[in-house]
């Protein structure tokens, strides 16, 4: 009887490297997950939220799911701490645990922070692929939080007409440095500096964006 448990550790750098050379694979994975869910091949229990402060909404969410056909179950343990933003640190971090469902053995621990950002952006792109008009030439982004940069580049994959080659033509938008300015006392969280060019997603202190140079 073999009771050896072998667990892979997949870091943010590993996640970035995986999709660095397989960018299209991200959208395929998201589409495949939706398709399997529509066929009843996914167990998808309700999310559990532990809210530690009802005023700030600092919380940790536990989100389990199982892909029956792939014989794998997993959960994402993700913290959402809005109070981190004024401190200049990321407010969404997480980790994922995978287990196979024949013996129940754990098989991997995966970074959930970058995966969350990539998956969130990819879902929007997949939705746009099927729901957006055929000839889209303008894309609008509402919000300038941590997820905003993650939604900037992926639409190029599904809405190429909205991102033509050559110098960009963008309307002025508020800058992305709102946590710093909130610390400086600006109540609305926006800088007066206006940006007339697309903002390249920053790499952050802990990880890089897989599409940063695309």
C-alpha atoms as a PDB file:
ATOM      1  CA  UNK A   1       0.000   0.000   0.000  1.00  0.00           C
ATOM      2  CA  UNK A   2       1.448   3.354  -1.066  1.00  0.00           C
ATOM      3  CA  UNK A   3       0.590   6.168   1.322  1.00  0.00           C
ATOM      4  CA  UNK A   4       3.078   8.621  -0.150  1.00  0.00           C
ATOM      5  CA  UNK A   5       1.570  12.057  -0.695  1.00  0.00           C
ATOM      6  CA  UNK A   6       3.330  14.181  -3.303  1.00  0.00           C
ATOM      7  CA  UNK A   7       2.271  17.827  -3.424  1.00  0.00           C
ATOM      8  CA  UNK A   8       3.359  20.284  -6.097  1.00  0.00           C
ATOM      9  CA  UNK A   9       3.942  23.899  -5.081  1.00  0.00           C
ATOM     10  CA  UNK A  10       3.075  26.290  -7.928  1.00  0.00           C
ATOM     11  CA  UNK A  11       4.137  29.883  -7.275  1.00  0.00           C
ATOM     12  CA  UNK A  12       3.079  33.155  -8.869  1.00  0.00           C
ATOM     13  CA  UNK A  13       6.190  32.998 -11.025  1.00  0.00           C
ATOM     14  CA  UNK A  14       5.211  29.515 -12.160  1.00  0.00           C
ATOM     15  CA  UNK A  15       1.694  30.659 -13.038  1.00  0.00           C
ATOM     16  CA  UNK A  16       3.075  33.610 -15.018  1.00  0.00           C
ATOM     17  CA  UNK A  17       5.507  31.362 -16.871  1.00  0.00           C
ATOM     18  CA  UNK A  18       2.777  28.861 -17.758  1.00  0.00           C
ATOM     19  CA  UNK A  19       0.670  31.470 -19.544  1.00  0.00           C
ATOM     20  CA  UNK A  20       3.575  33.533 -20.838  1.00  0.00           C
ATOM     21  CA  UNK A  21       3.949  31.247 -23.827  1.00  0.00           C
ATOM     22  CA  UNK A  22       0.356  29.956 -23.867  1.00  0.00           C
ATOM     23  CA  UNK A  23      -1.756  33.108 -23.548  1.00  0.00           C
ATOM     24  CA  UNK A  24      -4.672  31.696 -25.536  1.00  0.00           C
ATOM     25  CA  UNK A  25      -4.831  28.700 -23.214  1.00  0.00           C
ATOM     26  CA  UNK A  26      -6.221  30.928 -20.471  1.00  0.00           C
ATOM     27  CA  UNK A  27      -9.366  31.679 -22.456  1.00  0.00           C
ATOM     28  CA  UNK A  28      -9.730  28.044 -23.476  1.00  0.00           C
ATOM     29  CA  UNK A  29      -9.656  26.971 -19.828  1.00  0.00           C
ATOM     30  CA  UNK A  30     -12.351  29.479 -18.858  1.00  0.00           C
ATOM     31  CA  UNK A  31     -14.588  28.489 -21.786  1.00  0.00           C
ATOM     32  CA  UNK A  32     -14.112  24.820 -20.987  1.00  0.00           C
ATOM     33  CA  UNK A  33     -15.085  25.378 -17.344  1.00  0.00           C
ATOM     34  CA  UNK A  34     -18.301  27.174 -18.327  1.00  0.00           C
ATOM     35  CA  UNK A  35     -19.132  24.413 -20.803  1.00  0.00           C
ATOM     36  CA  UNK A  36     -18.603  21.687 -18.222  1.00  0.00           C
ATOM     37  CA  UNK A  37     -20.719  23.579 -15.697  1.00  0.00           C
ATOM     38  CA  UNK A  38     -23.552  23.845 -18.235  1.00  0.00           C
ATOM     39  CA  UNK A  39     -23.432  20.071 -18.670  1.00  0.00           C
ATOM     40  CA  UNK A  40     -23.631  19.401 -14.945  1.00  0.00           C
ATOM     41  CA  UNK A  41     -20.061  18.159 -14.762  1.00  0.00           C
ATOM     42  CA  UNK A  42     -19.051  20.606 -12.040  1.00  0.00           C
ATOM     43  CA  UNK A  43     -19.866  20.586  -8.337  1.00  0.00           C
ATOM     44  CA  UNK A  44     -20.039  24.232  -7.355  1.00  0.00           C
ATOM     45  CA  UNK A  45     -21.083  24.808  -3.716  1.00  0.00           C
ATOM     46  CA  UNK A  46     -21.896  28.265  -2.434  1.00  0.00           C
ATOM     47  CA  UNK A  47     -19.051  30.529  -1.449  1.00  0.00           C
ATOM     48  CA  UNK A  48     -18.416  30.884   2.275  1.00  0.00           C
ATOM     49  CA  UNK A  49     -17.438  34.357   3.458  1.00  0.00           C
ATOM     50  CA  UNK A  50     -15.949  35.121   6.833  1.00  0.00           C
ATOM     51  CA  UNK A  51     -16.448  38.844   7.328  1.00  0.00           C
ATOM     52  CA  UNK A  52     -14.253  40.062  10.140  1.00  0.00           C
ATOM     53  CA  UNK A  53     -15.430  43.666  10.105  1.00  0.00           C
ATOM     54  CA  UNK A  54     -18.843  44.587   8.698  1.00  0.00           C
ATOM     55  CA  UNK A  55     -17.849  48.220   8.323  1.00  0.00           C
ATOM     56  CA  UNK A  56     -14.639  47.699   6.347  1.00  0.00           C
ATOM     57  CA  UNK A  57     -15.784  44.392   4.790  1.00  0.00           C
ATOM     58  CA  UNK A  58     -12.384  42.845   5.446  1.00  0.00           C
ATOM     59  CA  UNK A  59     -13.015  39.169   4.767  1.00  0.00           C
ATOM     60  CA  UNK A  60     -11.717  35.815   3.637  1.00  0.00           C
ATOM     61  CA  UNK A  61     -13.709  33.781   1.127  1.00  0.00           C
ATOM     62  CA  UNK A  62     -13.625  30.023   0.707  1.00  0.00           C
ATOM     63  CA  UNK A  63     -14.710  28.856  -2.759  1.00  0.00           C
ATOM     64  CA  UNK A  64     -14.749  25.103  -3.454  1.00  0.00           C
ATOM     65  CA  UNK A  65     -15.452  23.347  -6.739  1.00  0.00           C
ATOM     66  CA  UNK A  66     -15.005  19.918  -8.330  1.00  0.00           C
ATOM     67  CA  UNK A  67     -14.430  18.947 -11.966  1.00  0.00           C
ATOM     68  CA  UNK A  68     -15.983  15.491 -11.977  1.00  0.00           C
ATOM     69  CA  UNK A  69     -14.641  14.485 -15.377  1.00  0.00           C
ATOM     70  CA  UNK A  70     -11.117  15.520 -14.451  1.00  0.00           C
ATOM     71  CA  UNK A  71     -11.446  13.830 -11.049  1.00  0.00           C
ATOM     72  CA  UNK A  72     -10.067  16.849  -9.251  1.00  0.00           C
ATOM     73  CA  UNK A  73     -11.480  18.997  -6.473  1.00  0.00           C
ATOM     74  CA  UNK A  74     -10.157  22.296  -5.260  1.00  0.00           C
ATOM     75  CA  UNK A  75     -10.798  25.397  -3.274  1.00  0.00           C
ATOM     76  CA  UNK A  76      -9.612  28.954  -3.374  1.00  0.00           C
ATOM     77  CA  UNK A  77      -8.915  30.680  -0.067  1.00  0.00           C
ATOM     78  CA  UNK A  78      -8.872  34.355  -0.946  1.00  0.00           C
ATOM     79  CA  UNK A  79      -8.705  37.381   1.311  1.00  0.00           C
ATOM     80  CA  UNK A  80     -10.299  40.703   0.385  1.00  0.00           C
ATOM     81  CA  UNK A  81      -9.083  43.500   2.622  1.00  0.00           C
ATOM     82  CA  UNK A  82     -10.191  46.949   1.376  1.00  0.00           C
ATOM     83  CA  UNK A  83      -8.250  48.532   4.230  1.00  0.00           C
ATOM     84  CA  UNK A  84      -5.008  47.443   2.552  1.00  0.00           C
ATOM     85  CA  UNK A  85      -5.410  49.838  -0.371  1.00  0.00           C
ATOM     86  CA  UNK A  86      -4.757  53.082   1.560  1.00  0.00           C
ATOM     87  CA  UNK A  87      -1.603  51.411   2.905  1.00  0.00           C
ATOM     88  CA  UNK A  88      -0.320  50.871  -0.618  1.00  0.00           C
ATOM     89  CA  UNK A  89      -0.486  47.064  -0.442  1.00  0.00           C
ATOM     90  CA  UNK A  90      -2.639  44.723  -2.492  1.00  0.00           C
ATOM     91  CA  UNK A  91      -6.028  44.003  -1.035  1.00  0.00           C
ATOM     92  CA  UNK A  92      -6.738  40.671  -2.734  1.00  0.00           C
ATOM     93  CA  UNK A  93      -4.481  37.689  -2.059  1.00  0.00           C
ATOM     94  CA  UNK A  94      -5.111  34.000  -2.109  1.00  0.00           C
ATOM     95  CA  UNK A  95      -4.002  30.424  -2.354  1.00  0.00           C
ATOM     96  CA  UNK A  96      -5.580  27.351  -3.962  1.00  0.00           C
ATOM     97  CA  UNK A  97      -5.522  23.716  -2.897  1.00  0.00           C
ATOM     98  CA  UNK A  98      -6.197  20.829  -5.290  1.00  0.00           C
ATOM     99  CA  UNK A  99      -6.974  17.207  -4.459  1.00  0.00           C
ATOM    100  CA  UNK A 100      -7.735  14.226  -6.661  1.00  0.00           C
ATOM    101  CA  UNK A 101     -11.038  12.545  -5.870  1.00  0.00           C
ATOM    102  CA  UNK A 102     -10.140   8.861  -6.195  1.00  0.00           C
ATOM    103  CA  UNK A 103      -8.223   8.708  -2.914  1.00  0.00           C
ATOM    104  CA  UNK A 104      -8.765  12.279  -1.750  1.00  0.00           C
ATOM    105  CA  UNK A 105      -5.025  12.950  -1.638  1.00  0.00           C
ATOM    106  CA  UNK A 106      -3.922  16.585  -2.009  1.00  0.00           C
ATOM    107  CA  UNK A 107      -1.895  17.095  -5.179  1.00  0.00           C
ATOM    108  CA  UNK A 108      -1.055  20.800  -5.439  1.00  0.00           C
ATOM    109  CA  UNK A 109      -0.901  24.131  -3.679  1.00  0.00           C
ATOM    110  CA  UNK A 110      -1.138  26.987  -6.161  1.00  0.00           C
ATOM    111  CA  UNK A 111      -0.822  30.738  -5.937  1.00  0.00           C
ATOM    112  CA  UNK A 112      -4.319  32.175  -6.002  1.00  0.00           C
ATOM    113  CA  UNK A 113      -3.519  35.862  -6.300  1.00  0.00           C
ATOM    114  CA  UNK A 114      -2.349  36.011  -9.902  1.00  0.00           C
ATOM    115  CA  UNK A 115      -4.751  33.216 -10.875  1.00  0.00           C
ATOM    116  CA  UNK A 116      -7.657  35.293  -9.567  1.00  0.00           C
ATOM    117  CA  UNK A 117      -6.576  38.319 -11.572  1.00  0.00           C
ATOM    118  CA  UNK A 118      -6.075  36.331 -14.773  1.00  0.00           C
ATOM    119  CA  UNK A 119      -9.323  34.385 -14.407  1.00  0.00           C
ATOM    120  CA  UNK A 120     -11.384  37.505 -13.695  1.00  0.00           C
ATOM    121  CA  UNK A 121     -10.069  39.260 -16.787  1.00  0.00           C
ATOM    122  CA  UNK A 122     -10.455  36.137 -18.919  1.00  0.00           C
ATOM    123  CA  UNK A 123     -14.123  35.705 -17.956  1.00  0.00           C
ATOM    124  CA  UNK A 124     -14.851  39.218 -19.215  1.00  0.00           C
ATOM    125  CA  UNK A 125     -13.047  38.458 -22.468  1.00  0.00           C
ATOM    126  CA  UNK A 126     -14.933  35.223 -23.010  1.00  0.00           C
ATOM    127  CA  UNK A 127     -18.208  37.062 -22.358  1.00  0.00           C
ATOM    128  CA  UNK A 128     -17.208  39.743 -24.873  1.00  0.00           C
ATOM    129  CA  UNK A 129     -16.318  37.081 -27.430  1.00  0.00           C
ATOM    130  CA  UNK A 130     -19.869  35.740 -27.442  1.00  0.00           C
ATOM    131  CA  UNK A 131     -21.985  38.714 -26.365  1.00  0.00           C
ATOM    132  CA  UNK A 132     -20.320  41.798 -27.829  1.00  0.00           C
ATOM    133  CA  UNK A 133     -21.334  43.165 -31.251  1.00  0.00           C
ATOM    134  CA  UNK A 134     -19.293  41.880 -34.165  1.00  0.00           C
ATOM    135  CA  UNK A 135     -17.616  45.210 -34.914  1.00  0.00           C
ATOM    136  CA  UNK A 136     -16.412  46.688 -31.650  1.00  0.00           C
ATOM    137  CA  UNK A 137     -14.187  49.729 -32.005  1.00  0.00           C
ATOM    138  CA  UNK A 138     -14.475  51.233 -28.522  1.00  0.00           C
ATOM    139  CA  UNK A 139     -14.003  49.616 -25.137  1.00  0.00           C
ATOM    140  CA  UNK A 140     -14.792  51.375 -21.863  1.00  0.00           C
ATOM    141  CA  UNK A 141     -13.404  50.489 -18.460  1.00  0.00           C
ATOM    142  CA  UNK A 142     -15.224  51.528 -15.297  1.00  0.00           C
ATOM    143  CA  UNK A 143     -13.234  51.560 -12.085  1.00  0.00           C
ATOM    144  CA  UNK A 144      -9.567  52.029 -11.301  1.00  0.00           C
ATOM    145  CA  UNK A 145      -8.986  49.462  -8.594  1.00  0.00           C
ATOM    146  CA  UNK A 146      -6.499  46.621  -8.418  1.00  0.00           C
ATOM    147  CA  UNK A 147      -8.305  44.564 -11.041  1.00  0.00           C
ATOM    148  CA  UNK A 148      -8.484  47.372 -13.609  1.00  0.00           C
ATOM    149  CA  UNK A 149      -5.041  46.839 -15.170  1.00  0.00           C
ATOM    150  CA  UNK A 150      -5.735  43.137 -15.436  1.00  0.00           C
ATOM    151  CA  UNK A 151      -8.641  43.883 -17.795  1.00  0.00           C
ATOM    152  CA  UNK A 152      -6.615  46.175 -20.025  1.00  0.00           C
ATOM    153  CA  UNK A 153      -4.689  43.858 -22.309  1.00  0.00           C
ATOM    154  CA  UNK A 154      -6.657  40.577 -22.556  1.00  0.00           C
ATOM    155  CA  UNK A 155      -9.496  42.171 -24.618  1.00  0.00           C
ATOM    156  CA  UNK A 156      -6.960  42.553 -27.435  1.00  0.00           C
ATOM    157  CA  UNK A 157      -7.307  38.815 -27.894  1.00  0.00           C
ATOM    158  CA  UNK A 158     -11.069  38.900 -28.440  1.00  0.00           C
ATOM    159  CA  UNK A 159     -11.747  42.492 -29.581  1.00  0.00           C
ATOM    160  CA  UNK A 160      -8.827  43.304 -31.893  1.00  0.00           C
ATOM    161  CA  UNK A 161     -10.688  46.079 -33.750  1.00  0.00           C
ATOM    162  CA  UNK A 162     -10.891  48.066 -30.519  1.00  0.00           C
ATOM    163  CA  UNK A 163      -7.117  47.910 -30.138  1.00  0.00           C
ATOM    164  CA  UNK A 164      -5.673  48.738 -33.576  1.00  0.00           C
ATOM    165  CA  UNK A 165      -1.899  48.897 -34.074  1.00  0.00           C
ATOM    166  CA  UNK A 166      -0.192  52.271 -34.007  1.00  0.00           C
ATOM    167  CA  UNK A 167      -0.391  55.199 -31.575  1.00  0.00           C
ATOM    168  CA  UNK A 168      -3.351  54.797 -29.214  1.00  0.00           C
ATOM    169  CA  UNK A 169      -6.155  57.299 -29.105  1.00  0.00           C
ATOM    170  CA  UNK A 170      -7.501  57.390 -25.595  1.00  0.00           C
ATOM    171  CA  UNK A 171      -9.612  59.873 -23.773  1.00  0.00           C
ATOM    172  CA  UNK A 172      -8.094  61.284 -20.583  1.00  0.00           C
ATOM    173  CA  UNK A 173      -8.473  59.040 -17.555  1.00  0.00           C
ATOM    174  CA  UNK A 174      -7.592  59.295 -13.913  1.00  0.00           C
ATOM    175  CA  UNK A 175      -4.216  57.884 -12.965  1.00  0.00           C
ATOM    176  CA  UNK A 176      -3.835  54.595 -11.148  1.00  0.00           C
ATOM    177  CA  UNK A 177      -1.915  55.856  -8.127  1.00  0.00           C
ATOM    178  CA  UNK A 178      -4.987  56.384  -5.964  1.00  0.00           C
ATOM    179  CA  UNK A 179      -3.736  54.600  -2.810  1.00  0.00           C
ATOM    180  CA  UNK A 180      -0.845  57.063  -2.550  1.00  0.00           C
ATOM    181  CA  UNK A 181      -3.112  60.063  -3.014  1.00  0.00           C
ATOM    182  CA  UNK A 182      -5.634  58.738  -0.534  1.00  0.00           C
ATOM    183  CA  UNK A 183      -2.829  58.666   1.994  1.00  0.00           C
ATOM    184  CA  UNK A 184      -2.221  62.282   1.042  1.00  0.00           C
ATOM    185  CA  UNK A 185      -5.769  63.146   2.064  1.00  0.00           C
ATOM    186  CA  UNK A 186      -7.721  63.298  -1.172  1.00  0.00           C
ATOM    187  CA  UNK A 187     -11.155  62.022  -0.305  1.00  0.00           C
ATOM    188  CA  UNK A 188     -12.214  60.891  -3.770  1.00  0.00           C
ATOM    189  CA  UNK A 189      -9.131  58.732  -4.258  1.00  0.00           C
ATOM    190  CA  UNK A 190      -8.186  60.228  -7.627  1.00  0.00           C
ATOM    191  CA  UNK A 191      -5.149  62.139  -8.790  1.00  0.00           C
ATOM    192  CA  UNK A 192      -5.547  65.380 -10.740  1.00  0.00           C
ATOM    193  CA  UNK A 193      -2.926  64.166 -13.169  1.00  0.00           C
ATOM    194  CA  UNK A 194      -4.573  62.971 -16.359  1.00  0.00           C
ATOM    195  CA  UNK A 195      -3.274  60.222 -18.588  1.00  0.00           C
ATOM    196  CA  UNK A 196      -3.569  60.379 -22.382  1.00  0.00           C
ATOM    197  CA  UNK A 197      -1.868  57.072 -23.091  1.00  0.00           C
ATOM    198  CA  UNK A 198      -2.610  53.480 -22.132  1.00  0.00           C
ATOM    199  CA  UNK A 199      -1.163  52.528 -18.776  1.00  0.00           C
ATOM    200  CA  UNK A 200       1.138  49.522 -18.824  1.00  0.00           C
ATOM    201  CA  UNK A 201       0.273  47.109 -16.045  1.00  0.00           C
ATOM    202  CA  UNK A 202       2.908  47.392 -13.360  1.00  0.00           C
ATOM    203  CA  UNK A 203       4.807  44.365 -12.179  1.00  0.00           C
ATOM    204  CA  UNK A 204       4.295  44.946  -8.473  1.00  0.00           C
ATOM    205  CA  UNK A 205       6.742  43.955  -5.786  1.00  0.00           C
ATOM    206  CA  UNK A 206       5.791  40.311  -5.562  1.00  0.00           C
ATOM    207  CA  UNK A 207       5.035  39.167  -9.068  1.00  0.00           C
ATOM    208  CA  UNK A 208       4.912  40.198 -12.681  1.00  0.00           C
ATOM    209  CA  UNK A 209       1.945  40.356 -15.037  1.00  0.00           C
ATOM    210  CA  UNK A 210       2.218  37.707 -17.738  1.00  0.00           C
ATOM    211  CA  UNK A 211       1.012  40.128 -20.396  1.00  0.00           C
ATOM    212  CA  UNK A 212       3.052  43.154 -19.241  1.00  0.00           C
ATOM    213  CA  UNK A 213       5.124  43.256 -22.426  1.00  0.00           C
ATOM    214  CA  UNK A 214       2.455  42.222 -24.884  1.00  0.00           C
END
